[in-house]
PDB file of N, CA and C in Angstrom:
ATOM      1  N   MET A   1      66.445 -11.985  -0.470  1.00  0.00           N
ATOM      2  CA  MET A   1      67.559 -12.436  -1.371  1.00  0.00           C
ATOM      3  C   MET A   1      68.972 -12.677  -0.523  1.00  0.00           C
ATOM      4  N   LEU A   2      69.367 -13.590  -0.638  1.00  0.00           N
ATOM      5  CA  LEU A   2      70.811 -14.021  -0.027  1.00  0.00           C
ATOM      6  C   LEU A   2      71.823 -13.665  -1.077  1.00  0.00           C
ATOM      7  N   VAL A   3      72.785 -13.157  -0.803  1.00  0.00           N
ATOM      8  CA  VAL A   3      73.830 -12.778  -2.015  1.00  0.00           C
ATOM      9  C   VAL A   3      75.229 -13.390  -1.121  1.00  0.00           C
ATOM     10  N   PRO A   4      75.587 -14.548  -1.349  1.00  0.00           N
ATOM     11  CA  PRO A   4      76.682 -15.011  -0.609  1.00  0.00           C
ATOM     12  C   PRO A   4      78.235 -14.409  -1.182  1.00  0.00           C
ATOM     13  N   ARG A   5      79.261 -14.309  -0.413  1.00  0.00           N
ATOM     14  CA  ARG A   5      80.452 -13.760  -0.846  1.00  0.00           C
ATOM     15  C   ARG A   5      81.175 -14.835  -1.455  1.00  0.00           C
ATOM     16  N   GLY A   6      81.570 -14.851  -2.614  1.00  0.00           N
ATOM     17  CA  GLY A   6      82.454 -15.833  -3.179  1.00  0.00           C
ATOM     18  C   GLY A   6      81.817 -16.990  -3.826  1.00  0.00           C
ATOM     19  N   GLU A   7      80.418 -17.001  -3.949  1.00  0.00           N
ATOM     20  CA  GLU A   7      79.767 -18.158  -4.540  1.00  0.00           C
ATOM     21  C   GLU A   7      79.175 -17.825  -5.752  1.00  0.00           C
ATOM     22  N   TRP A   8      78.708 -18.974  -6.514  1.00  0.00           N
ATOM     23  CA  TRP A   8      78.108 -18.871  -7.735  1.00  0.00           C
ATOM     24  C   TRP A   8      76.644 -19.027  -7.672  1.00  0.00           C
ATOM     25  N   TRP A   9      76.010 -18.363  -6.813  1.00  0.00           N
ATOM     26  CA  TRP A   9      74.681 -18.646  -6.855  1.00  0.00           C
ATOM     27  C   TRP A   9      74.192 -17.343  -5.715  1.00  0.00           C
ATOM     28  N   THR A  10      72.892 -17.218  -5.865  1.00  0.00           N
ATOM     29  CA  THR A  10      71.947 -16.226  -5.209  1.00  0.00           C
ATOM     30  C   THR A  10      70.925 -17.131  -4.603  1.00  0.00           C
ATOM     31  N   ALA A  11      70.090 -16.746  -3.540  1.00  0.00           N
ATOM     32  CA  ALA A  11      68.967 -17.556  -3.026  1.00  0.00           C
ATOM     33  C   ALA A  11      67.995 -16.567  -2.603  1.00  0.00           C
ATOM     34  N   THR A  12      66.487 -16.813  -2.919  1.00  0.00           N
ATOM     35  CA  THR A  12      65.724 -16.056  -2.603  1.00  0.00           C
ATOM     36  C   THR A  12      64.527 -17.007  -1.931  1.00  0.00           C
ATOM     37  N   PHE A  13      64.276 -16.696  -0.567  1.00  0.00           N
ATOM     38  CA  PHE A  13      63.370 -17.407   0.183  1.00  0.00           C
ATOM     39  C   PHE A  13      62.079 -16.719   0.220  1.00  0.00           C
ATOM     40  N   CYS A  14      61.022 -17.310  -0.220  1.00  0.00           N
ATOM     41  CA  CYS A  14      59.365 -16.660  -0.389  1.00  0.00           C
ATOM     42  C   CYS A  14      58.507 -17.078   0.715  1.00  0.00           C
ATOM     43  N   VAL A  15      57.686 -16.138   0.786  1.00  0.00           N
ATOM     44  CA  VAL A  15      56.581 -16.445   1.581  1.00  0.00           C
ATOM     45  C   VAL A  15      55.391 -17.264   0.602  1.00  0.00           C
ATOM     46  N   ASP A  16      54.572 -17.852   1.150  1.00  0.00           N
ATOM     47  CA  ASP A  16      53.427 -18.711   0.457  1.00  0.00           C
ATOM     48  C   ASP A  16      52.729 -17.424  -0.308  1.00  0.00           C
ATOM     49  N   PRO A  17      52.372 -17.690  -1.615  1.00  0.00           N
ATOM     50  CA  PRO A  17      52.356 -18.650  -2.429  1.00  0.00           C
ATOM     51  C   PRO A  17      53.526 -19.242  -3.304  1.00  0.00           C
ATOM     52  N   GLY A  18      54.675 -18.339  -2.994  1.00  0.00           N
ATOM     53  CA  GLY A  18      55.871 -18.446  -3.673  1.00  0.00           C
ATOM     54  C   GLY A  18      56.509 -19.817  -3.356  1.00  0.00           C
ATOM     55  N   PRO A  19      57.444 -20.371  -4.368  1.00  0.00           N
ATOM     56  CA  PRO A  19      58.370 -21.205  -3.813  1.00  0.00           C
ATOM     57  C   PRO A  19      59.107 -21.149  -2.505  1.00  0.00           C
ATOM     58  N   GLU A  20      59.316 -22.340  -1.863  1.00  0.00           N
ATOM     59  CA  GLU A  20      59.985 -21.915  -0.336  1.00  0.00           C
ATOM     60  C   GLU A  20      61.651 -21.509  -0.839  1.00  0.00           C
ATOM     61  N   MET A  21      62.203 -21.794  -1.730  1.00  0.00           N
ATOM     62  CA  MET A  21      63.488 -21.679  -1.992  1.00  0.00           C
ATOM     63  C   MET A  21      63.640 -21.346  -3.557  1.00  0.00           C
ATOM     64  N   TYR A  22      64.426 -20.347  -4.269  1.00  0.00           N
ATOM     65  CA  TYR A  22      64.628 -20.262  -5.487  1.00  0.00           C
ATOM     66  C   TYR A  22      65.767 -19.694  -5.663  1.00  0.00           C
ATOM     67  N   CYS A  23      67.145 -20.439  -6.046  1.00  0.00           N
ATOM     68  CA  CYS A  23      68.343 -20.385  -6.446  1.00  0.00           C
ATOM     69  C   CYS A  23      68.485 -20.192  -7.720  1.00  0.00           C
ATOM     70  N   ASP A  24      69.572 -18.951  -8.077  1.00  0.00           N
ATOM     71  CA  ASP A  24      69.824 -18.674  -9.180  1.00  0.00           C
ATOM     72  C   ASP A  24      71.302 -18.960  -9.366  1.00  0.00           C
ATOM     73  N   VAL A  25      71.631 -19.869 -10.372  1.00  0.00           N
ATOM     74  CA  VAL A  25      73.146 -20.065 -10.505  1.00  0.00           C
ATOM     75  C   VAL A  25      73.545 -18.998 -11.483  1.00  0.00           C
ATOM     76  N   CYS A  26      74.570 -18.321 -11.012  1.00  0.00           N
ATOM     77  CA  CYS A  26      75.091 -17.070 -11.489  1.00  0.00           C
ATOM     78  C   CYS A  26      76.587 -16.872 -11.505  1.00  0.00           C
ATOM     79  N   THR A  27      77.306 -16.113 -12.355  1.00  0.00           N
ATOM     80  CA  THR A  27      78.660 -15.647 -11.781  1.00  0.00           C
ATOM     81  C   THR A  27      78.665 -15.064 -10.560  1.00  0.00           C
ATOM     82  N   VAL A  28      80.007 -15.128 -10.038  1.00  0.00           N
ATOM     83  CA  VAL A  28      79.956 -14.753  -8.647  1.00  0.00           C
ATOM     84  C   VAL A  28      79.448 -13.108  -8.509  1.00  0.00           C
ATOM     85  N   PRO A  29      78.593 -13.060  -7.708  1.00  0.00           N
ATOM     86  CA  PRO A  29      78.338 -11.520  -7.623  1.00  0.00           C
ATOM     87  C   PRO A  29      79.217 -10.757  -6.822  1.00  0.00           C
ATOM     88  N   GLU A  30      79.054  -9.509  -7.640  1.00  0.00           N
ATOM     89  CA  GLU A  30      80.209  -8.360  -7.098  1.00  0.00           C
ATOM     90  C   GLU A  30      79.653  -7.080  -6.915  1.00  0.00           C
ATOM     91  N   TRP A  31      79.628  -6.485  -5.551  1.00  0.00           N
ATOM     92  CA  TRP A  31      79.219  -5.043  -5.435  1.00  0.00           C
ATOM     93  C   TRP A  31      80.015  -3.998  -5.927  1.00  0.00           C
ATOM     94  N   ASN A  32      79.643  -2.831  -6.334  1.00  0.00           N
ATOM     95  CA  ASN A  32      80.676  -1.920  -6.441  1.00  0.00           C
ATOM     96  C   ASN A  32      81.198  -1.258  -5.153  1.00  0.00           C
ATOM     97  N   ALA A  33      82.126  -0.354  -5.352  1.00  0.00           N
ATOM     98  CA  ALA A  33      82.915   0.158  -4.323  1.00  0.00           C
ATOM     99  C   ALA A  33      81.976   0.850  -2.964  1.00  0.00           C
ATOM    100  N   ASN A  34      80.865   1.261  -3.385  1.00  0.00           N
ATOM    101  CA  ASN A  34      80.132   1.818  -2.144  1.00  0.00           C
ATOM    102  C   ASN A  34      78.984   0.925  -1.844  1.00  0.00           C
ATOM    103  N   GLY A  35      78.958  -0.301  -2.248  1.00  0.00           N
ATOM    104  CA  GLY A  35      77.856  -1.361  -2.001  1.00  0.00           C
ATOM    105  C   GLY A  35      76.489  -1.008  -2.420  1.00  0.00           C
ATOM    106  N   THR A  36      76.444  -0.187  -3.465  1.00  0.00           N
ATOM    107  CA  THR A  36      75.085   0.089  -4.079  1.00  0.00           C
ATOM    108  C   THR A  36      74.512  -0.483  -5.191  1.00  0.00           C
ATOM    109  N   VAL A  37      75.670  -1.120  -6.015  1.00  0.00           N
ATOM    110  CA  VAL A  37      75.126  -1.885  -7.294  1.00  0.00           C
ATOM    111  C   VAL A  37      75.763  -3.210  -7.271  1.00  0.00           C
ATOM    112  N   LEU A  38      74.845  -4.162  -7.471  1.00  0.00           N
ATOM    113  CA  LEU A  38      75.504  -5.773  -7.517  1.00  0.00           C
ATOM    114  C   LEU A  38      75.522  -6.144  -8.967  1.00  0.00           C
ATOM    115  N   ARG A  39      76.384  -6.582  -9.301  1.00  0.00           N
ATOM    116  CA  ARG A  39      76.537  -7.373 -10.841  1.00  0.00           C
ATOM    117  C   ARG A  39      76.959  -8.561 -10.828  1.00  0.00           C
ATOM    118  N   MET A  40      76.014  -9.366 -11.605  1.00  0.00           N
ATOM    119  CA  MET A  40      76.460 -10.963 -11.939  1.00  0.00           C
ATOM    120  C   MET A  40      75.711 -11.252 -13.260  1.00  0.00           C
ATOM    121  N   VAL A  41      76.123 -12.351 -13.461  1.00  0.00           N
ATOM    122  CA  VAL A  41      75.370 -12.803 -14.867  1.00  0.00           C
ATOM    123  C   VAL A  41      74.693 -14.096 -14.600  1.00  0.00           C
ATOM    124  N   ASP A  42      73.443 -14.020 -14.705  1.00  0.00           N
ATOM    125  CA  ASP A  42      72.511 -15.159 -14.475  1.00  0.00           C
ATOM    126  C   ASP A  42      72.856 -16.265 -15.672  1.00  0.00           C
ATOM    127  N   LEU A  43      73.092 -17.549 -15.244  1.00  0.00           N
ATOM    128  CA  LEU A  43      73.436 -18.389 -16.069  1.00  0.00           C
ATOM    129  C   LEU A  43      72.094 -19.296 -16.244  1.00  0.00           C
ATOM    130  N   ASP A  44      71.174 -18.827 -16.127  1.00  0.00           N
ATOM    131  CA  ASP A  44      69.879 -19.614 -16.437  1.00  0.00           C
ATOM    132  C   ASP A  44      69.651 -20.762 -15.507  1.00  0.00           C
ATOM    133  N   LEU A  45      70.583 -21.614 -15.235  1.00  0.00           N
ATOM    134  CA  LEU A  45      70.220 -22.777 -14.270  1.00  0.00           C
ATOM    135  C   LEU A  45      69.533 -22.198 -12.979  1.00  0.00           C
ATOM    136  N   ASP A  46      68.313 -22.711 -12.560  1.00  0.00           N
ATOM    137  CA  ASP A  46      67.811 -22.438 -11.340  1.00  0.00           C
ATOM    138  C   ASP A  46      67.533 -23.737 -10.707  1.00  0.00           C
ATOM    139  N   VAL A  47      67.678 -23.897  -9.160  1.00  0.00           N
ATOM    140  CA  VAL A  47      67.410 -24.606  -8.155  1.00  0.00           C
ATOM    141  C   VAL A  47      66.203 -24.243  -7.341  1.00  0.00           C
ATOM    142  N   VAL A  48      64.828 -24.853  -7.628  1.00  0.00           N
ATOM    143  CA  VAL A  48      63.940 -24.572  -7.138  1.00  0.00           C
ATOM    144  C   VAL A  48      63.061 -25.592  -6.213  1.00  0.00           C
ATOM    145  N   ARG A  49      62.747 -25.162  -4.841  1.00  0.00           N
ATOM    146  CA  ARG A  49      62.075 -26.019  -3.944  1.00  0.00           C
ATOM    147  C   ARG A  49      60.754 -25.575  -3.708  1.00  0.00           C
ATOM    148  N   PRO A  50      59.502 -26.029  -4.236  1.00  0.00           N
ATOM    149  CA  PRO A  50      58.325 -25.681  -3.844  1.00  0.00           C
ATOM    150  C   PRO A  50      57.952 -25.910  -2.374  1.00  0.00           C
ATOM    151  N   ARG A  51      57.089 -25.211  -1.947  1.00  0.00           N
ATOM    152  CA  ARG A  51      56.672 -25.416  -0.347  1.00  0.00           C
ATOM    153  C   ARG A  51      56.486 -26.762  -0.246  1.00  0.00           C
ATOM    154  N   GLY A  52      57.126 -27.513   0.818  1.00  0.00           N
ATOM    155  CA  GLY A  52      56.848 -28.914   1.236  1.00  0.00           C
ATOM    156  C   GLY A  52      57.362 -29.783  -0.011  1.00  0.00           C
ATOM    157  N   GLY A  53      58.071 -29.463  -1.007  1.00  0.00           N
ATOM    158  CA  GLY A  53      58.338 -30.296  -1.957  1.00  0.00           C
ATOM    159  C   GLY A  53      59.873 -30.629  -1.872  1.00  0.00           C
ATOM    160  N   GLU A  54      60.115 -31.248  -2.805  1.00  0.00           N
ATOM    161  CA  GLU A  54      61.848 -31.365  -3.300  1.00  0.00           C
ATOM    162  C   GLU A  54      62.253 -30.640  -4.184  1.00  0.00           C
ATOM    163  N   ALA A  55      63.449 -30.297  -4.035  1.00  0.00           N
ATOM    164  CA  ALA A  55      64.342 -29.485  -5.122  1.00  0.00           C
ATOM    165  C   ALA A  55      64.330 -29.932  -6.153  1.00  0.00           C
ATOM    166  N   ARG A  56      64.309 -29.165  -7.362  1.00  0.00           N
ATOM    167  CA  ARG A  56      64.346 -29.546  -8.761  1.00  0.00           C
ATOM    168  C   ARG A  56      65.179 -28.359  -9.587  1.00  0.00           C
ATOM    169  N   ILE A  57      65.456 -29.070 -10.568  1.00  0.00           N
ATOM    170  CA  ILE A  57      66.490 -28.164 -11.530  1.00  0.00           C
ATOM    171  C   ILE A  57      65.545 -27.521 -12.716  1.00  0.00           C
ATOM    172  N   GLU A  58      65.351 -26.246 -12.946  1.00  0.00           N
ATOM    173  CA  GLU A  58      64.824 -25.686 -13.988  1.00  0.00           C
ATOM    174  C   GLU A  58      65.774 -24.983 -14.591  1.00  0.00           C
ATOM    175  N   ASP A  59      65.052 -24.660 -16.036  1.00  0.00           N
ATOM    176  CA  ASP A  59      65.916 -24.022 -17.324  1.00  0.00           C
ATOM    177  C   ASP A  59      67.119 -24.445 -17.417  1.00  0.00           C
ATOM    178  N   GLU A  60      67.542 -26.004 -17.399  1.00  0.00           N
ATOM    179  CA  GLU A  60      68.635 -26.496 -18.282  1.00  0.00           C
ATOM    180  C   GLU A  60      68.573 -26.279 -19.639  1.00  0.00           C
ATOM    181  N   ASP A  61      67.374 -26.372 -20.428  1.00  0.00           N
ATOM    182  CA  ASP A  61      67.436 -26.126 -21.886  1.00  0.00           C
ATOM    183  C   ASP A  61      67.988 -24.639 -22.200  1.00  0.00           C
ATOM    184  N   GLU A  62      67.489 -24.026 -21.418  1.00  0.00           N
ATOM    185  CA  GLU A  62      68.019 -22.299 -21.669  1.00  0.00           C
ATOM    186  C   GLU A  62      69.652 -22.530 -21.458  1.00  0.00           C
ATOM    187  N   PHE A  63      70.247 -22.916 -20.386  1.00  0.00           N
ATOM    188  CA  PHE A  63      71.478 -23.059 -20.105  1.00  0.00           C
ATOM    189  C   PHE A  63      72.288 -23.610 -21.269  1.00  0.00           C
ATOM    190  N   ASN A  64      71.934 -24.725 -21.895  1.00  0.00           N
ATOM    191  CA  ASN A  64      72.507 -25.534 -22.738  1.00  0.00           C
ATOM    192  C   ASN A  64      72.279 -24.656 -24.269  1.00  0.00           C
ATOM    193  N   ALA A  65      71.465 -24.313 -24.335  1.00  0.00           N
ATOM    194  CA  ALA A  65      71.235 -23.080 -25.712  1.00  0.00           C
ATOM    195  C   ALA A  65      72.154 -21.896 -25.560  1.00  0.00           C
ATOM    196  N   HIS A  66      72.055 -21.219 -24.150  1.00  0.00           N
ATOM    197  CA  HIS A  66      73.095 -20.118 -24.300  1.00  0.00           C
ATOM    198  C   HIS A  66      74.592 -20.420 -24.102  1.00  0.00           C
ATOM    199  N   ARG A  67      74.933 -21.468 -23.427  1.00  0.00           N
ATOM    200  CA  ARG A  67      76.480 -21.817 -23.639  1.00  0.00           C
ATOM    201  C   ARG A  67      76.972 -21.848 -24.958  1.00  0.00           C
ATOM    202  N   VAL A  68      76.207 -22.374 -25.663  1.00  0.00           N
ATOM    203  CA  VAL A  68      76.644 -22.574 -27.035  1.00  0.00           C
ATOM    204  C   VAL A  68      76.476 -21.117 -27.672  1.00  0.00           C
ATOM    205  N   ARG A  69      75.576 -20.486 -27.546  1.00  0.00           N
ATOM    206  CA  ARG A  69      75.221 -19.188 -28.405  1.00  0.00           C
ATOM    207  C   ARG A  69      76.024 -18.312 -27.950  1.00  0.00           C
ATOM    208  N   TYR A  70      76.410 -18.076 -26.560  1.00  0.00           N
ATOM    209  CA  TYR A  70      77.360 -17.083 -26.029  1.00  0.00           C
ATOM    210  C   TYR A  70      78.695 -17.526 -25.752  1.00  0.00           C
ATOM    211  N   GLY A  71      79.043 -18.850 -26.015  1.00  0.00           N
ATOM    212  CA  GLY A  71      80.531 -19.436 -25.926  1.00  0.00           C
ATOM    213  C   GLY A  71      81.080 -19.444 -24.477  1.00  0.00           C
ATOM    214  N   TYR A  72      80.172 -19.760 -23.564  1.00  0.00           N
ATOM    215  CA  TYR A  72      80.514 -19.882 -22.376  1.00  0.00           C
ATOM    216  C   TYR A  72      81.893 -20.647 -22.452  1.00  0.00           C
ATOM    217  N   PRO A  73      82.738 -20.488 -21.687  1.00  0.00           N
ATOM    218  CA  PRO A  73      84.231 -21.155 -21.391  1.00  0.00           C
ATOM    219  C   PRO A  73      83.858 -22.419 -20.657  1.00  0.00           C
ATOM    220  N   ASP A  74      84.813 -23.195 -20.647  1.00  0.00           N
ATOM    221  CA  ASP A  74      84.404 -24.848 -20.104  1.00  0.00           C
ATOM    222  C   ASP A  74      84.470 -24.584 -18.736  1.00  0.00           C
ATOM    223  N   SER A  75      85.418 -23.468 -18.177  1.00  0.00           N
ATOM    224  CA  SER A  75      85.548 -23.544 -16.750  1.00  0.00           C
ATOM    225  C   SER A  75      84.119 -22.718 -16.158  1.00  0.00           C
ATOM    226  N   VAL A  76      83.303 -22.059 -16.890  1.00  0.00           N
ATOM    227  CA  VAL A  76      82.132 -21.383 -16.419  1.00  0.00           C
ATOM    228  C   VAL A  76      80.853 -22.391 -16.426  1.00  0.00           C
ATOM    229  N   ILE A  77      81.244 -23.263 -17.699  1.00  0.00           N
ATOM    230  CA  ILE A  77      80.058 -24.595 -17.618  1.00  0.00           C
ATOM    231  C   ILE A  77      80.379 -25.595 -16.453  1.00  0.00           C
ATOM    232  N   GLY A  78      81.663 -25.813 -16.238  1.00  0.00           N
ATOM    233  CA  GLY A  78      81.960 -26.728 -15.197  1.00  0.00           C
ATOM    234  C   GLY A  78      81.462 -26.342 -13.795  1.00  0.00           C
ATOM    235  N   GLU A  79      81.919 -24.879 -13.490  1.00  0.00           N
ATOM    236  CA  GLU A  79      81.314 -24.262 -12.321  1.00  0.00           C
ATOM    237  C   GLU A  79      79.933 -24.373 -12.144  1.00  0.00           C
ATOM    238  N   ALA A  80      79.314 -23.841 -13.140  1.00  0.00           N
ATOM    239  CA  ALA A  80      77.686 -23.667 -13.030  1.00  0.00           C
ATOM    240  C   ALA A  80      76.928 -24.929 -12.706  1.00  0.00           C
ATOM    241  N   GLN A  81      77.602 -26.258 -13.335  1.00  0.00           N
ATOM    242  CA  GLN A  81      77.039 -27.245 -13.085  1.00  0.00           C
ATOM    243  C   GLN A  81      77.391 -27.899 -11.711  1.00  0.00           C
ATOM    244  N   ARG A  82      78.681 -27.753 -11.073  1.00  0.00           N
ATOM    245  CA  ARG A  82      78.981 -28.086  -9.900  1.00  0.00           C
ATOM    246  C   ARG A  82      78.233 -27.301  -8.719  1.00  0.00           C
ATOM    247  N   THR A  83      77.812 -26.415  -9.250  1.00  0.00           N
ATOM    248  CA  THR A  83      77.260 -25.078  -8.316  1.00  0.00           C
ATOM    249  C   THR A  83      75.489 -25.646  -8.211  1.00  0.00           C
ATOM    250  N   CYS A  84      75.120 -26.097  -9.292  1.00  0.00           N
ATOM    251  CA  CYS A  84      73.565 -26.628  -9.435  1.00  0.00           C
ATOM    252  C   CYS A  84      73.607 -27.870  -8.729  1.00  0.00           C
ATOM    253  N   GLU A  85      74.546 -28.645  -8.902  1.00  0.00           N
ATOM    254  CA  GLU A  85      74.633 -29.832  -8.011  1.00  0.00           C
ATOM    255  C   GLU A  85      74.778 -30.017  -6.433  1.00  0.00           C
ATOM    256  N   ARG A  86      75.471 -28.931  -6.224  1.00  0.00           N
ATOM    257  CA  ARG A  86      75.842 -28.360  -4.643  1.00  0.00           C
ATOM    258  C   ARG A  86      74.381 -28.060  -4.095  1.00  0.00           C
ATOM    259  N   LEU A  87      73.802 -26.987  -4.975  1.00  0.00           N
ATOM    260  CA  LEU A  87      72.523 -26.569  -4.225  1.00  0.00           C
ATOM    261  C   LEU A  87      71.307 -27.614  -4.388  1.00  0.00           C
ATOM    262  N   MET A  88      71.278 -28.603  -5.324  1.00  0.00           N
ATOM    263  CA  MET A  88      70.271 -29.569  -5.139  1.00  0.00           C
ATOM    264  C   MET A  88      70.545 -30.323  -3.658  1.00  0.00           C
ATOM    265  N   GLU A  89      71.813 -30.677  -3.671  1.00  0.00           N
ATOM    266  CA  GLU A  89      72.032 -31.375  -2.223  1.00  0.00           C
ATOM    267  C   GLU A  89      71.859 -30.667  -1.087  1.00  0.00           C
ATOM    268  N   ALA A  90      72.178 -29.258  -0.944  1.00  0.00           N
ATOM    269  CA  ALA A  90      71.797 -28.543   0.121  1.00  0.00           C
ATOM    270  C   ALA A  90      70.352 -28.166   0.366  1.00  0.00           C
ATOM    271  N   GLY A  91      69.852 -28.291  -0.995  1.00  0.00           N
ATOM    272  CA  GLY A  91      68.362 -27.753  -0.900  1.00  0.00           C
ATOM    273  C   GLY A  91      67.326 -28.762  -0.689  1.00  0.00           C
ATOM    274  N   ARG A  92      67.739 -29.903  -0.394  1.00  0.00           N
ATOM    275  CA  ARG A  92      66.828 -31.096  -0.120  1.00  0.00           C
ATOM    276  C   ARG A  92      65.591 -30.719   0.802  1.00  0.00           C
ATOM    277  N   HIS A  93      64.326 -31.002   0.721  1.00  0.00           N
ATOM    278  CA  HIS A  93      63.319 -30.669   1.590  1.00  0.00           C
ATOM    279  C   HIS A  93      63.689 -30.672   2.898  1.00  0.00           C
ATOM    280  N   GLY A  94      63.485 -29.602   3.616  1.00  0.00           N
ATOM    281  CA  GLY A  94      63.872 -29.511   4.902  1.00  0.00           C
ATOM    282  C   GLY A  94      65.668 -29.118   5.378  1.00  0.00           C
ATOM    283  N   GLY A  95      66.322 -29.070   3.981  1.00  0.00           N
ATOM    284  CA  GLY A  95      67.542 -28.950   4.081  1.00  0.00           C
ATOM    285  C   GLY A  95      68.505 -29.547   4.684  1.00  0.00           C
ATOM    286  N   ASP A  96      67.919 -30.781   5.079  1.00  0.00           N
ATOM    287  CA  ASP A  96      68.954 -31.910   6.021  1.00  0.00           C
ATOM    288  C   ASP A  96      69.929 -31.139   6.998  1.00  0.00           C
ATOM    289  N   GLY A  97      69.497 -30.038   7.385  1.00  0.00           N
ATOM    290  CA  GLY A  97      70.357 -29.478   8.374  1.00  0.00           C
ATOM    291  C   GLY A  97      71.368 -28.699   7.609  1.00  0.00           C
ATOM    292  N   VAL A  98      71.428 -28.463   6.256  1.00  0.00           N
ATOM    293  CA  VAL A  98      72.345 -27.462   5.600  1.00  0.00           C
ATOM    294  C   VAL A  98      71.777 -26.341   5.566  1.00  0.00           C
ATOM    295  N   GLU A  99      72.694 -25.203   6.253  1.00  0.00           N
ATOM    296  CA  GLU A  99      72.091 -23.553   6.168  1.00  0.00           C
ATOM    297  C   GLU A  99      72.716 -22.829   5.078  1.00  0.00           C
ATOM    298  N   PRO A 100      72.027 -22.065   4.400  1.00  0.00           N
ATOM    299  CA  PRO A 100      71.150 -21.347   4.777  1.00  0.00           C
ATOM    300  C   PRO A 100      69.522 -21.765   4.713  1.00  0.00           C
ATOM    301  N   PHE A 101      69.626 -23.198   3.878  1.00  0.00           N
ATOM    302  CA  PHE A 101      68.383 -23.764   3.385  1.00  0.00           C
ATOM    303  C   PHE A 101      67.838 -24.576   4.245  1.00  0.00           C
ATOM    304  N   ALA A 102      68.123 -24.873   5.373  1.00  0.00           N
ATOM    305  CA  ALA A 102      67.312 -25.837   6.393  1.00  0.00           C
ATOM    306  C   ALA A 102      66.354 -24.889   7.263  1.00  0.00           C
ATOM    307  N   SER A 103      66.679 -23.781   8.082  1.00  0.00           N
ATOM    308  CA  SER A 103      65.868 -23.274   8.675  1.00  0.00           C
ATOM    309  C   SER A 103      66.106 -21.733   8.922  1.00  0.00           C
ATOM    310  N   ALA A 104      67.044 -21.310   8.689  1.00  0.00           N
ATOM    311  CA  ALA A 104      67.666 -19.782   9.194  1.00  0.00           C
ATOM    312  C   ALA A 104      66.816 -19.039   8.528  1.00  0.00           C
ATOM    313  N   TYR A 105      66.478 -19.264   7.320  1.00  0.00           N
ATOM    314  CA  TYR A 105      65.393 -18.160   6.234  1.00  0.00           C
ATOM    315  C   TYR A 105      64.204 -17.909   7.127  1.00  0.00           C
ATOM    316  N   ARG A 106      63.739 -19.002   7.903  1.00  0.00           N
ATOM    317  CA  ARG A 106      62.091 -18.973   8.162  1.00  0.00           C
ATOM    318  C   ARG A 106      62.171 -17.782   9.214  1.00  0.00           C
ATOM    319  N   TYR A 107      62.945 -17.410  10.358  1.00  0.00           N
ATOM    320  CA  TYR A 107      63.103 -16.426  11.041  1.00  0.00           C
ATOM    321  C   TYR A 107      62.775 -14.842  10.332  1.00  0.00           C
ATOM    322  N   TRP A 108      63.731 -14.739   9.055  1.00  0.00           N
ATOM    323  CA  TRP A 108      63.425 -13.650   8.499  1.00  0.00           C
ATOM    324  C   TRP A 108      62.071 -13.527   7.770  1.00  0.00           C
ATOM    325  N   LEU A 109      61.736 -14.503   7.143  1.00  0.00           N
ATOM    326  CA  LEU A 109      60.303 -14.426   6.507  1.00  0.00           C
ATOM    327  C   LEU A 109      59.341 -14.220   7.397  1.00  0.00           C
ATOM    328  N   GLY A 110      59.608 -14.688   8.788  1.00  0.00           N
ATOM    329  CA  GLY A 110      58.331 -14.337   9.875  1.00  0.00           C
ATOM    330  C   GLY A 110      58.144 -12.958  10.276  1.00  0.00           C
ATOM    331  N   LEU A 111      59.291 -12.213   9.874  1.00  0.00           N
ATOM    332  CA  LEU A 111      59.395 -10.828  10.025  1.00  0.00           C
ATOM    333  C   LEU A 111      58.333  -9.986   9.091  1.00  0.00           C
ATOM    334  N   ILE A 112      58.526 -10.796   7.875  1.00  0.00           N
ATOM    335  CA  ILE A 112      57.578 -10.130   6.773  1.00  0.00           C
ATOM    336  C   ILE A 112      56.139 -10.827   6.626  1.00  0.00           C
ATOM    337  N   GLY A 113      56.191 -12.177   6.896  1.00  0.00           N
ATOM    338  CA  GLY A 113      54.891 -12.711   6.393  1.00  0.00           C
ATOM    339  C   GLY A 113      54.270 -13.306   7.552  1.00  0.00           C
TER     340      GLY A 113
END
């Protein structure tokens, strides 16, 4: 799992039979002072790229229901949607050269799979 600093997402890259890429749109992940606890709020939107396929958005229905139910501020809704759009572009099949979605993760997967 990749937890980038200051971004509204996390990414998991999986070995077969899992999806090649699974990104959760969430609030900016924050580590506690000693780096042992990670906190974030999953905003339900996911960008998933199946092995050899094209990225797609999942759980938009949950996001829309929860944004009303929990009263997400407009700023959170906007950032979640912008992040989802950026992940869709970056996560195109093969990543179009955009790391970490293009190929960097393959080295690490090779160590375990």
